[in-house]
Amino acid sequence: MHPCSGRQSREFIRGNQCHHYSCKCWKKEVNVEKIKLNAEIRDKVGSANSRRIRRTGFIPGVLYGKDEQPIHLKVSVANLHNIISEGENVLINLIVEDKEKTVMVKEVQRDPVQENIVHVDFYKVSLQEKVTIKVPIETTGEAKGVKEKGGVLEQILRELEVECLPNDIPEKITLDVSELDIGHSFTVEKLKIQPGVEVLTPIDSTVVTVIAPTVLEEEKKPEEEIAEPELIKKVKEEEGVEVVESEEVKEEESKKKIREEKDEKK
């Protein structure tokens, strides 16, 4: 009889294998499949040699880890792309000189212009030792504040830092935001984390929030009619207001009067 058969977790048992994370027998019976990747040791290092390696369809890289001397190697760019497409934090069975090593991709360096992979770092891990790693956070559902009130969903935190055994690393962490209203937010405390995974990110860190829509309205300024100087003078004279003319105005009127007198003489 399976040790979990008396539990309420029978739905996690398929055949004679338990898929319940909290079960003590889970780590013993579940064999996490690792992706295989062949690698060749590089005899030469340096930028010139790295360029030659890339031209032949390979990517230069390095393997390091606890109790592991750095090894300069190269891997197929096509195979590396296939592994990266599987997602982050994938366990890889790296084969170097017929020896298998359990590794993870630690860092991928890309060309800043073409975004091609130019270098890769592999980190050797032990299945019995915990690792600190960042797991992507993915939201599901449509927030109530967005659907009903036109708000905007803003995801503040996109990765969660956790510590766990390599076999317990979650592919991703999902968060249902369907009930999230305008002005409300979900923190790390709201996330559902599987047993065996310790969260290192502060639990009060905001993961996602819904903000109110911003409407920008341009203020309409009243159109001001610019009155002609002569019209202003006439209105003020009619109202009995003494009009003080500037020297420039007086000079202009004097020239105008002289021109009119010349026209009359003609």
C-alpha atoms as a PDB file:
ATOM      1  CA  MET A   1       0.000   0.000   0.000  1.00  0.00           C
ATOM      2  CA  HIS A   2       1.262   3.474  -0.878  1.00  0.00           C
ATOM      3  CA  PRO A   3       2.183   5.524   2.225  1.00  0.00           C
ATOM      4  CA  CYS A   4      -0.125   8.305   1.071  1.00  0.00           C
ATOM      5  CA  SER A   5      -3.155   6.041   0.480  1.00  0.00           C
ATOM      6  CA  GLY A   6      -4.707   6.942   3.844  1.00  0.00           C
ATOM      7  CA  ARG A   7      -4.393  10.686   3.287  1.00  0.00           C
ATOM      8  CA  GLN A   8      -6.872  13.029   1.681  1.00  0.00           C
ATOM      9  CA  SER A   9      -4.342  13.498  -1.077  1.00  0.00           C
ATOM     10  CA  ARG A  10      -5.322  10.420  -3.099  1.00  0.00           C
ATOM     11  CA  GLU A  11      -5.920  12.677  -6.104  1.00  0.00           C
ATOM     12  CA  PHE A  12      -2.166  13.259  -6.223  1.00  0.00           C
ATOM     13  CA  ILE A  13      -1.387   9.559  -6.621  1.00  0.00           C
ATOM     14  CA  ARG A  14      -1.127   8.283 -10.187  1.00  0.00           C
ATOM     15  CA  GLY A  15      -0.157   4.635 -10.404  1.00  0.00           C
ATOM     16  CA  ASN A  16       2.242   4.039  -7.553  1.00  0.00           C
ATOM     17  CA  GLN A  17       3.835   7.499  -7.740  1.00  0.00           C
ATOM     18  CA  CYS A  18       2.910  10.378  -5.446  1.00  0.00           C
ATOM     19  CA  HIS A  19       2.781  13.894  -6.871  1.00  0.00           C
ATOM     20  CA  HIS A  20       1.921  15.638  -3.620  1.00  0.00           C
ATOM     21  CA  TYR A  21       4.641  18.173  -2.767  1.00  0.00           C
ATOM     22  CA  SER A  22       4.193  17.843   0.999  1.00  0.00           C
ATOM     23  CA  CYS A  23       4.512  14.080   0.978  1.00  0.00           C
ATOM     24  CA  LYS A  24       7.758  12.716   2.456  1.00  0.00           C
ATOM     25  CA  CYS A  25       8.016  10.136  -0.288  1.00  0.00           C
ATOM     26  CA  TRP A  26       7.782  12.728  -3.060  1.00  0.00           C
ATOM     27  CA  LYS A  27      11.489  13.445  -3.275  1.00  0.00           C
ATOM     28  CA  LYS A  28      12.306   9.741  -3.202  1.00  0.00           C
ATOM     29  CA  GLU A  29       9.952   8.662  -5.985  1.00  0.00           C
ATOM     30  CA  VAL A  30       9.767  11.627  -8.331  1.00  0.00           C
ATOM     31  CA  ASN A  31      12.638  11.792 -10.776  1.00  0.00           C
ATOM     32  CA  VAL A  32      12.896  15.265 -12.254  1.00  0.00           C
ATOM     33  CA  GLU A  33      13.852  14.997 -15.903  1.00  0.00           C
ATOM     34  CA  LYS A  34      16.915  17.030 -16.818  1.00  0.00           C
ATOM     35  CA  ILE A  35      17.694  18.356 -20.284  1.00  0.00           C
ATOM     36  CA  LYS A  36      20.896  17.044 -21.798  1.00  0.00           C
ATOM     37  CA  LEU A  37      23.447  19.378 -23.350  1.00  0.00           C
ATOM     38  CA  ASN A  38      26.797  18.403 -24.834  1.00  0.00           C
ATOM     39  CA  ALA A  39      29.766  20.701 -24.290  1.00  0.00           C
ATOM     40  CA  GLU A  40      33.346  20.756 -25.529  1.00  0.00           C
ATOM     41  CA  ILE A  41      36.327  22.124 -23.603  1.00  0.00           C
ATOM     42  CA  ARG A  42      38.036  25.174 -25.103  1.00  0.00           C
ATOM     43  CA  ASP A  43      41.803  25.105 -25.288  1.00  0.00           C
ATOM     44  CA  LYS A  44      42.104  28.815 -26.019  1.00  0.00           C
ATOM     45  CA  VAL A  45      40.377  31.824 -24.522  1.00  0.00           C
ATOM     46  CA  GLY A  46      40.157  35.464 -25.525  1.00  0.00           C
ATOM     47  CA  SER A  47      37.947  37.646 -27.691  1.00  0.00           C
ATOM     48  CA  ALA A  48      39.526  36.596 -31.006  1.00  0.00           C
ATOM     49  CA  ASN A  49      39.028  32.902 -30.255  1.00  0.00           C
ATOM     50  CA  SER A  50      35.463  33.579 -29.056  1.00  0.00           C
ATOM     51  CA  ARG A  51      34.611  35.247 -32.374  1.00  0.00           C
ATOM     52  CA  ARG A  52      35.926  32.219 -34.275  1.00  0.00           C
ATOM     53  CA  ILE A  53      33.820  29.921 -32.090  1.00  0.00           C
ATOM     54  CA  ARG A  54      30.649  31.933 -32.821  1.00  0.00           C
ATOM     55  CA  ARG A  55      31.275  31.774 -36.566  1.00  0.00           C
ATOM     56  CA  THR A  56      31.193  27.955 -36.364  1.00  0.00           C
ATOM     57  CA  GLY A  57      27.746  27.837 -34.707  1.00  0.00           C
ATOM     58  CA  PHE A  58      28.919  27.549 -31.101  1.00  0.00           C
ATOM     59  CA  ILE A  59      28.770  29.814 -28.068  1.00  0.00           C
ATOM     60  CA  PRO A  60      31.728  30.217 -25.662  1.00  0.00           C
ATOM     61  CA  GLY A  61      30.939  29.645 -22.012  1.00  0.00           C
ATOM     62  CA  VAL A  62      32.297  28.792 -18.613  1.00  0.00           C
ATOM     63  CA  LEU A  63      31.316  26.242 -15.955  1.00  0.00           C
ATOM     64  CA  TYR A  64      31.903  26.965 -12.273  1.00  0.00           C
ATOM     65  CA  GLY A  65      30.409  26.180  -8.877  1.00  0.00           C
ATOM     66  CA  LYS A  66      31.142  25.028  -5.366  1.00  0.00           C
ATOM     67  CA  ASP A  67      34.242  22.813  -5.278  1.00  0.00           C
ATOM     68  CA  GLU A  68      34.439  23.141  -9.062  1.00  0.00           C
ATOM     69  CA  GLN A  69      37.366  24.687 -10.879  1.00  0.00           C
ATOM     70  CA  PRO A  70      36.251  26.966 -13.729  1.00  0.00           C
ATOM     71  CA  ILE A  71      36.127  25.155 -17.044  1.00  0.00           C
ATOM     72  CA  HIS A  72      36.092  27.079 -20.341  1.00  0.00           C
ATOM     73  CA  LEU A  73      33.872  25.336 -22.845  1.00  0.00           C
ATOM     74  CA  LYS A  74      31.635  25.811 -25.883  1.00  0.00           C
ATOM     75  CA  VAL A  75      28.089  24.622 -26.663  1.00  0.00           C
ATOM     76  CA  SER A  76      25.896  24.541 -29.741  1.00  0.00           C
ATOM     77  CA  VAL A  77      24.009  27.819 -30.168  1.00  0.00           C
ATOM     78  CA  ALA A  78      20.946  25.942 -31.507  1.00  0.00           C
ATOM     79  CA  ASN A  79      20.846  23.575 -28.512  1.00  0.00           C
ATOM     80  CA  LEU A  80      21.328  26.452 -26.098  1.00  0.00           C
ATOM     81  CA  HIS A  81      18.406  28.348 -27.645  1.00  0.00           C
ATOM     82  CA  ASN A  82      16.206  25.269 -27.213  1.00  0.00           C
ATOM     83  CA  ILE A  83      17.093  25.051 -23.516  1.00  0.00           C
ATOM     84  CA  ILE A  84      16.481  28.751 -22.880  1.00  0.00           C
ATOM     85  CA  SER A  85      13.084  28.468 -24.593  1.00  0.00           C
ATOM     86  CA  GLU A  86      12.095  25.867 -21.980  1.00  0.00           C
ATOM     87  CA  GLY A  87      12.029  28.644 -19.399  1.00  0.00           C
ATOM     88  CA  GLU A  88      14.179  29.952 -16.621  1.00  0.00           C
ATOM     89  CA  ASN A  89      15.763  27.835 -13.885  1.00  0.00           C
ATOM     90  CA  VAL A  90      15.908  24.637 -15.936  1.00  0.00           C
ATOM     91  CA  LEU A  91      18.080  21.809 -14.628  1.00  0.00           C
ATOM     92  CA  ILE A  92      20.588  20.744 -17.282  1.00  0.00           C
ATOM     93  CA  ASN A  93      22.563  17.537 -17.548  1.00  0.00           C
ATOM     94  CA  LEU A  94      25.763  18.982 -18.999  1.00  0.00           C
ATOM     95  CA  ILE A  95      28.004  16.357 -20.599  1.00  0.00           C
ATOM     96  CA  VAL A  96      31.690  17.311 -20.638  1.00  0.00           C
ATOM     97  CA  GLU A  97      34.213  14.686 -21.759  1.00  0.00           C
ATOM     98  CA  ASP A  98      31.707  11.874 -21.110  1.00  0.00           C
ATOM     99  CA  LYS A  99      31.117  13.165 -17.564  1.00  0.00           C
ATOM    100  CA  GLU A 100      27.659  14.360 -16.545  1.00  0.00           C
ATOM    101  CA  LYS A 101      27.243  17.434 -14.354  1.00  0.00           C
ATOM    102  CA  THR A 102      23.965  18.890 -13.063  1.00  0.00           C
ATOM    103  CA  VAL A 103      24.042  22.589 -13.871  1.00  0.00           C
ATOM    104  CA  MET A 104      21.833  25.624 -14.357  1.00  0.00           C
ATOM    105  CA  VAL A 105      22.225  28.628 -16.619  1.00  0.00           C
ATOM    106  CA  LYS A 106      23.564  31.373 -14.358  1.00  0.00           C
ATOM    107  CA  GLU A 107      23.914  34.184 -16.884  1.00  0.00           C
ATOM    108  CA  VAL A 108      23.416  34.749 -20.588  1.00  0.00           C
ATOM    109  CA  GLN A 109      25.288  37.627 -22.197  1.00  0.00           C
ATOM    110  CA  ARG A 110      23.870  39.158 -25.380  1.00  0.00           C
ATOM    111  CA  ASP A 111      25.095  41.589 -27.980  1.00  0.00           C
ATOM    112  CA  PRO A 112      23.617  45.005 -27.056  1.00  0.00           C
ATOM    113  CA  VAL A 113      22.695  45.767 -30.695  1.00  0.00           C
ATOM    114  CA  GLN A 114      21.774  42.467 -32.361  1.00  0.00           C
ATOM    115  CA  GLU A 115      20.763  40.745 -29.088  1.00  0.00           C
ATOM    116  CA  ASN A 116      22.526  37.537 -30.145  1.00  0.00           C
ATOM    117  CA  ILE A 117      23.918  35.303 -27.402  1.00  0.00           C
ATOM    118  CA  VAL A 118      27.670  35.887 -27.099  1.00  0.00           C
ATOM    119  CA  HIS A 119      28.512  34.042 -23.863  1.00  0.00           C
ATOM    120  CA  VAL A 120      26.901  31.755 -21.291  1.00  0.00           C
ATOM    121  CA  ASP A 121      27.713  30.914 -17.664  1.00  0.00           C
ATOM    122  CA  PHE A 122      26.794  27.529 -16.196  1.00  0.00           C
ATOM    123  CA  TYR A 123      26.643  26.927 -12.445  1.00  0.00           C
ATOM    124  CA  LYS A 124      27.099  23.443 -11.021  1.00  0.00           C
ATOM    125  CA  VAL A 125      24.501  22.522  -8.383  1.00  0.00           C
ATOM    126  CA  SER A 126      24.001  19.690  -5.924  1.00  0.00           C
ATOM    127  CA  LEU A 127      20.559  18.126  -5.694  1.00  0.00           C
ATOM    128  CA  GLN A 128      21.055  17.851  -1.921  1.00  0.00           C
ATOM    129  CA  GLU A 129      21.931  21.521  -1.363  1.00  0.00           C
ATOM    130  CA  LYS A 130      19.547  24.457  -1.478  1.00  0.00           C
ATOM    131  CA  VAL A 131      20.044  27.214  -4.021  1.00  0.00           C
ATOM    132  CA  THR A 132      18.962  30.837  -3.994  1.00  0.00           C
ATOM    133  CA  ILE A 133      17.199  31.764  -7.176  1.00  0.00           C
ATOM    134  CA  LYS A 134      14.638  34.121  -8.705  1.00  0.00           C
ATOM    135  CA  VAL A 135      11.355  32.746 -10.020  1.00  0.00           C
ATOM    136  CA  PRO A 136       9.131  34.657 -12.467  1.00  0.00           C
ATOM    137  CA  ILE A 137       5.692  35.845 -11.269  1.00  0.00           C
ATOM    138  CA  GLU A 138       2.812  35.554 -13.724  1.00  0.00           C
ATOM    139  CA  THR A 139      -0.629  37.123 -13.270  1.00  0.00           C
ATOM    140  CA  THR A 140      -3.847  35.412 -14.363  1.00  0.00           C
ATOM    141  CA  GLY A 141      -7.394  36.702 -14.841  1.00  0.00           C
ATOM    142  CA  GLU A 142      -8.634  40.232 -15.488  1.00  0.00           C
ATOM    143  CA  ALA A 143      -8.728  42.581 -12.512  1.00  0.00           C
ATOM    144  CA  LYS A 144     -12.180  43.858 -11.503  1.00  0.00           C
ATOM    145  CA  GLY A 145     -10.871  47.401 -11.380  1.00  0.00           C
ATOM    146  CA  VAL A 146      -9.718  47.089 -14.986  1.00  0.00           C
ATOM    147  CA  LYS A 147     -12.746  45.265 -16.358  1.00  0.00           C
ATOM    148  CA  GLU A 148     -15.484  47.272 -14.664  1.00  0.00           C
ATOM    149  CA  LYS A 149     -13.910  50.671 -13.973  1.00  0.00           C
ATOM    150  CA  GLY A 150     -11.298  51.135 -16.670  1.00  0.00           C
ATOM    151  CA  GLY A 151      -8.312  51.047 -14.309  1.00  0.00           C
ATOM    152  CA  VAL A 152      -4.774  50.094 -15.254  1.00  0.00           C
ATOM    153  CA  LEU A 153      -3.060  46.968 -13.908  1.00  0.00           C
ATOM    154  CA  GLU A 154       0.534  47.667 -12.903  1.00  0.00           C
ATOM    155  CA  GLN A 155       2.859  44.811 -11.970  1.00  0.00           C
ATOM    156  CA  ILE A 156       5.540  46.095  -9.615  1.00  0.00           C
ATOM    157  CA  LEU A 157       7.322  42.824  -8.824  1.00  0.00           C
ATOM    158  CA  ARG A 158       8.049  40.382 -11.648  1.00  0.00           C
ATOM    159  CA  GLU A 159      10.423  37.974  -9.896  1.00  0.00           C
ATOM    160  CA  LEU A 160      10.394  36.331  -6.479  1.00  0.00           C
ATOM    161  CA  GLU A 161      13.624  35.416  -4.727  1.00  0.00           C
ATOM    162  CA  VAL A 162      13.401  31.980  -3.114  1.00  0.00           C
ATOM    163  CA  GLU A 163      15.593  29.309  -1.582  1.00  0.00           C
ATOM    164  CA  CYS A 164      14.988  25.612  -2.153  1.00  0.00           C
ATOM    165  CA  LEU A 165      16.457  22.367  -3.412  1.00  0.00           C
ATOM    166  CA  PRO A 166      17.046  22.251  -7.196  1.00  0.00           C
ATOM    167  CA  ASN A 167      14.286  19.681  -7.671  1.00  0.00           C
ATOM    168  CA  ASP A 168      11.814  21.960  -5.881  1.00  0.00           C
ATOM    169  CA  ILE A 169      12.385  25.048  -8.018  1.00  0.00           C
ATOM    170  CA  PRO A 170       8.993  26.251  -9.337  1.00  0.00           C
ATOM    171  CA  GLU A 171       8.803  26.983 -13.050  1.00  0.00           C
ATOM    172  CA  LYS A 172       6.776  30.095 -12.215  1.00  0.00           C
ATOM    173  CA  ILE A 173       4.467  31.497  -9.570  1.00  0.00           C
ATOM    174  CA  THR A 174       0.951  32.520 -10.629  1.00  0.00           C
ATOM    175  CA  LEU A 175      -1.258  35.139  -9.007  1.00  0.00           C
ATOM    176  CA  ASP A 176      -4.985  35.496  -9.743  1.00  0.00           C
ATOM    177  CA  VAL A 177      -5.849  39.205  -9.906  1.00  0.00           C
ATOM    178  CA  SER A 178      -9.549  38.822 -10.775  1.00  0.00           C
ATOM    179  CA  GLU A 179     -10.777  40.372  -7.490  1.00  0.00           C
ATOM    180  CA  LEU A 180      -8.321  43.272  -7.498  1.00  0.00           C
ATOM    181  CA  ASP A 181     -10.111  46.650  -7.500  1.00  0.00           C
ATOM    182  CA  ILE A 182      -8.898  50.195  -8.148  1.00  0.00           C
ATOM    183  CA  GLY A 183      -6.640  51.453  -5.376  1.00  0.00           C
ATOM    184  CA  HIS A 184      -5.989  47.945  -4.050  1.00  0.00           C
ATOM    185  CA  SER A 185      -2.864  45.810  -4.336  1.00  0.00           C
ATOM    186  CA  PHE A 186      -1.543  42.312  -3.665  1.00  0.00           C
ATOM    187  CA  THR A 187       1.695  41.750  -1.756  1.00  0.00           C
ATOM    188  CA  VAL A 188       4.084  38.795  -1.670  1.00  0.00           C
ATOM    189  CA  GLU A 189       2.069  37.440   1.277  1.00  0.00           C
ATOM    190  CA  LYS A 190      -0.801  36.764  -1.156  1.00  0.00           C
ATOM    191  CA  LEU A 191       1.272  34.390  -3.298  1.00  0.00           C
ATOM    192  CA  LYS A 192       0.711  30.654  -3.000  1.00  0.00           C
ATOM    193  CA  ILE A 193       4.051  28.952  -2.465  1.00  0.00           C
ATOM    194  CA  GLN A 194       4.547  25.196  -2.602  1.00  0.00           C
ATOM    195  CA  PRO A 195       6.053  23.435   0.422  1.00  0.00           C
ATOM    196  CA  GLY A 196       9.815  23.194   0.440  1.00  0.00           C
ATOM    197  CA  VAL A 197      10.269  26.679  -1.012  1.00  0.00           C
ATOM    198  CA  GLU A 198      11.339  29.504   1.306  1.00  0.00           C
ATOM    199  CA  VAL A 199      10.540  33.042   0.193  1.00  0.00           C
ATOM    200  CA  LEU A 200      13.369  35.542   0.684  1.00  0.00           C
ATOM    201  CA  THR A 201      11.616  38.580  -0.765  1.00  0.00           C
ATOM    202  CA  PRO A 202       9.945  40.682   1.996  1.00  0.00           C
ATOM    203  CA  ILE A 203       6.315  39.580   2.369  1.00  0.00           C
ATOM    204  CA  ASP A 204       5.056  43.166   2.399  1.00  0.00           C
ATOM    205  CA  SER A 205       6.526  43.903  -1.053  1.00  0.00           C
ATOM    206  CA  THR A 206       3.847  44.953  -3.539  1.00  0.00           C
ATOM    207  CA  VAL A 207       3.451  42.559  -6.442  1.00  0.00           C
ATOM    208  CA  VAL A 208       0.612  44.139  -8.410  1.00  0.00           C
ATOM    209  CA  THR A 209      -1.820  47.046  -8.079  1.00  0.00           C
ATOM    210  CA  VAL A 210      -4.642  48.675 -10.010  1.00  0.00           C
ATOM    211  CA  ILE A 211      -4.441  52.413 -10.514  1.00  0.00           C
ATOM    212  CA  ALA A 212      -7.241  54.740 -11.593  1.00  0.00           C
ATOM    213  CA  PRO A 213      -7.277  55.925 -15.214  1.00  0.00           C
ATOM    214  CA  THR A 214      -5.748  59.337 -15.776  1.00  0.00           C
ATOM    215  CA  VAL A 215      -7.742  61.776 -17.915  1.00  0.00           C
ATOM    216  CA  LEU A 216      -5.873  64.808 -19.137  1.00  0.00           C
ATOM    217  CA  GLU A 217      -8.146  67.753 -19.965  1.00  0.00           C
ATOM    218  CA  GLU A 218      -6.784  70.878 -21.539  1.00  0.00           C
ATOM    219  CA  GLU A 219      -8.035  74.046 -19.939  1.00  0.00           C
ATOM    220  CA  LYS A 220      -9.818  76.224 -22.447  1.00  0.00           C
ATOM    221  CA  LYS A 221      -8.785  79.826 -22.061  1.00  0.00           C
ATOM    222  CA  PRO A 222     -11.359  82.470 -23.071  1.00  0.00           C
ATOM    223  CA  GLU A 223     -10.462  84.178 -26.264  1.00  0.00           C
ATOM    224  CA  GLU A 224      -9.517  87.739 -25.590  1.00  0.00           C
ATOM    225  CA  GLU A 225     -10.248  90.267 -28.276  1.00  0.00           C
ATOM    226  CA  ILE A 226      -7.417  92.683 -28.817  1.00  0.00           C
ATOM    227  CA  ALA A 227      -8.860  96.140 -29.346  1.00  0.00           C
ATOM    228  CA  GLU A 228      -7.265  98.542 -31.731  1.00  0.00           C
ATOM    229  CA  PRO A 229      -5.493 101.528 -30.132  1.00  0.00           C
ATOM    230  CA  GLU A 230      -7.761 104.020 -31.901  1.00  0.00           C
ATOM    231  CA  LEU A 231     -10.873 102.196 -30.666  1.00  0.00           C
ATOM    232  CA  ILE A 232      -9.586 102.207 -27.087  1.00  0.00           C
ATOM    233  CA  LYS A 233      -8.925 105.935 -27.290  1.00  0.00           C
ATOM    234  CA  LYS A 234     -12.383 106.650 -28.664  1.00  0.00           C
ATOM    235  CA  VAL A 235     -14.126 104.574 -25.960  1.00  0.00           C
ATOM    236  CA  LYS A 236     -12.201 106.259 -23.182  1.00  0.00           C
ATOM    237  CA  GLU A 237     -12.947 109.738 -24.581  1.00  0.00           C
ATOM    238  CA  GLU A 238     -16.653 108.919 -24.751  1.00  0.00           C
ATOM    239  CA  GLU A 239     -16.573 107.788 -21.118  1.00  0.00           C
ATOM    240  CA  GLY A 240     -14.874 111.039 -20.049  1.00  0.00           C
ATOM    241  CA  VAL A 241     -11.616 109.385 -19.185  1.00  0.00           C
ATOM    242  CA  GLU A 242      -8.535 111.446 -19.731  1.00  0.00           C
ATOM    243  CA  VAL A 243      -6.284 109.740 -22.197  1.00  0.00           C
ATOM    244  CA  VAL A 244      -2.587 110.212 -21.645  1.00  0.00           C
ATOM    245  CA  GLU A 245      -0.761 109.638 -24.873  1.00  0.00           C
ATOM    246  CA  SER A 246       2.835 108.516 -25.055  1.00  0.00           C
ATOM    247  CA  GLU A 247       5.505 110.467 -26.916  1.00  0.00           C
ATOM    248  CA  GLU A 248       5.548 107.827 -29.656  1.00  0.00           C
ATOM    249  CA  VAL A 249       1.814 108.177 -30.223  1.00  0.00           C
ATOM    250  CA  LYS A 250       2.053 111.963 -30.341  1.00  0.00           C
ATOM    251  CA  GLU A 251       4.906 111.786 -32.837  1.00  0.00           C
ATOM    252  CA  GLU A 252       2.978 109.364 -35.059  1.00  0.00           C
ATOM    253  CA  GLU A 253      -0.100 111.628 -35.028  1.00  0.00           C
ATOM    254  CA  SER A 254       2.061 114.656 -35.880  1.00  0.00           C
ATOM    255  CA  LYS A 255       3.536 112.879 -38.901  1.00  0.00           C
ATOM    256  CA  LYS A 256       0.066 111.790 -39.970  1.00  0.00           C
ATOM    257  CA  LYS A 257      -1.183 115.421 -39.768  1.00  0.00           C
ATOM    258  CA  ILE A 258       1.756 116.676 -41.878  1.00  0.00           C
ATOM    259  CA  ARG A 259       1.032 114.091 -44.568  1.00  0.00           C
ATOM    260  CA  GLU A 260      -2.637 115.088 -44.651  1.00  0.00           C
ATOM    261  CA  GLU A 261      -1.687 118.791 -45.060  1.00  0.00           C
ATOM    262  CA  LYS A 262       0.657 117.978 -47.949  1.00  0.00           C
ATOM    263  CA  ASP A 263      -2.094 116.002 -49.650  1.00  0.00           C
ATOM    264  CA  GLU A 264      -4.487 118.943 -49.356  1.00  0.00           C
ATOM    265  CA  LYS A 265      -1.977 121.363 -50.948  1.00  0.00           C
ATOM    266  CA  LYS A 266      -1.620 119.034 -53.891  1.00  0.00           C
END
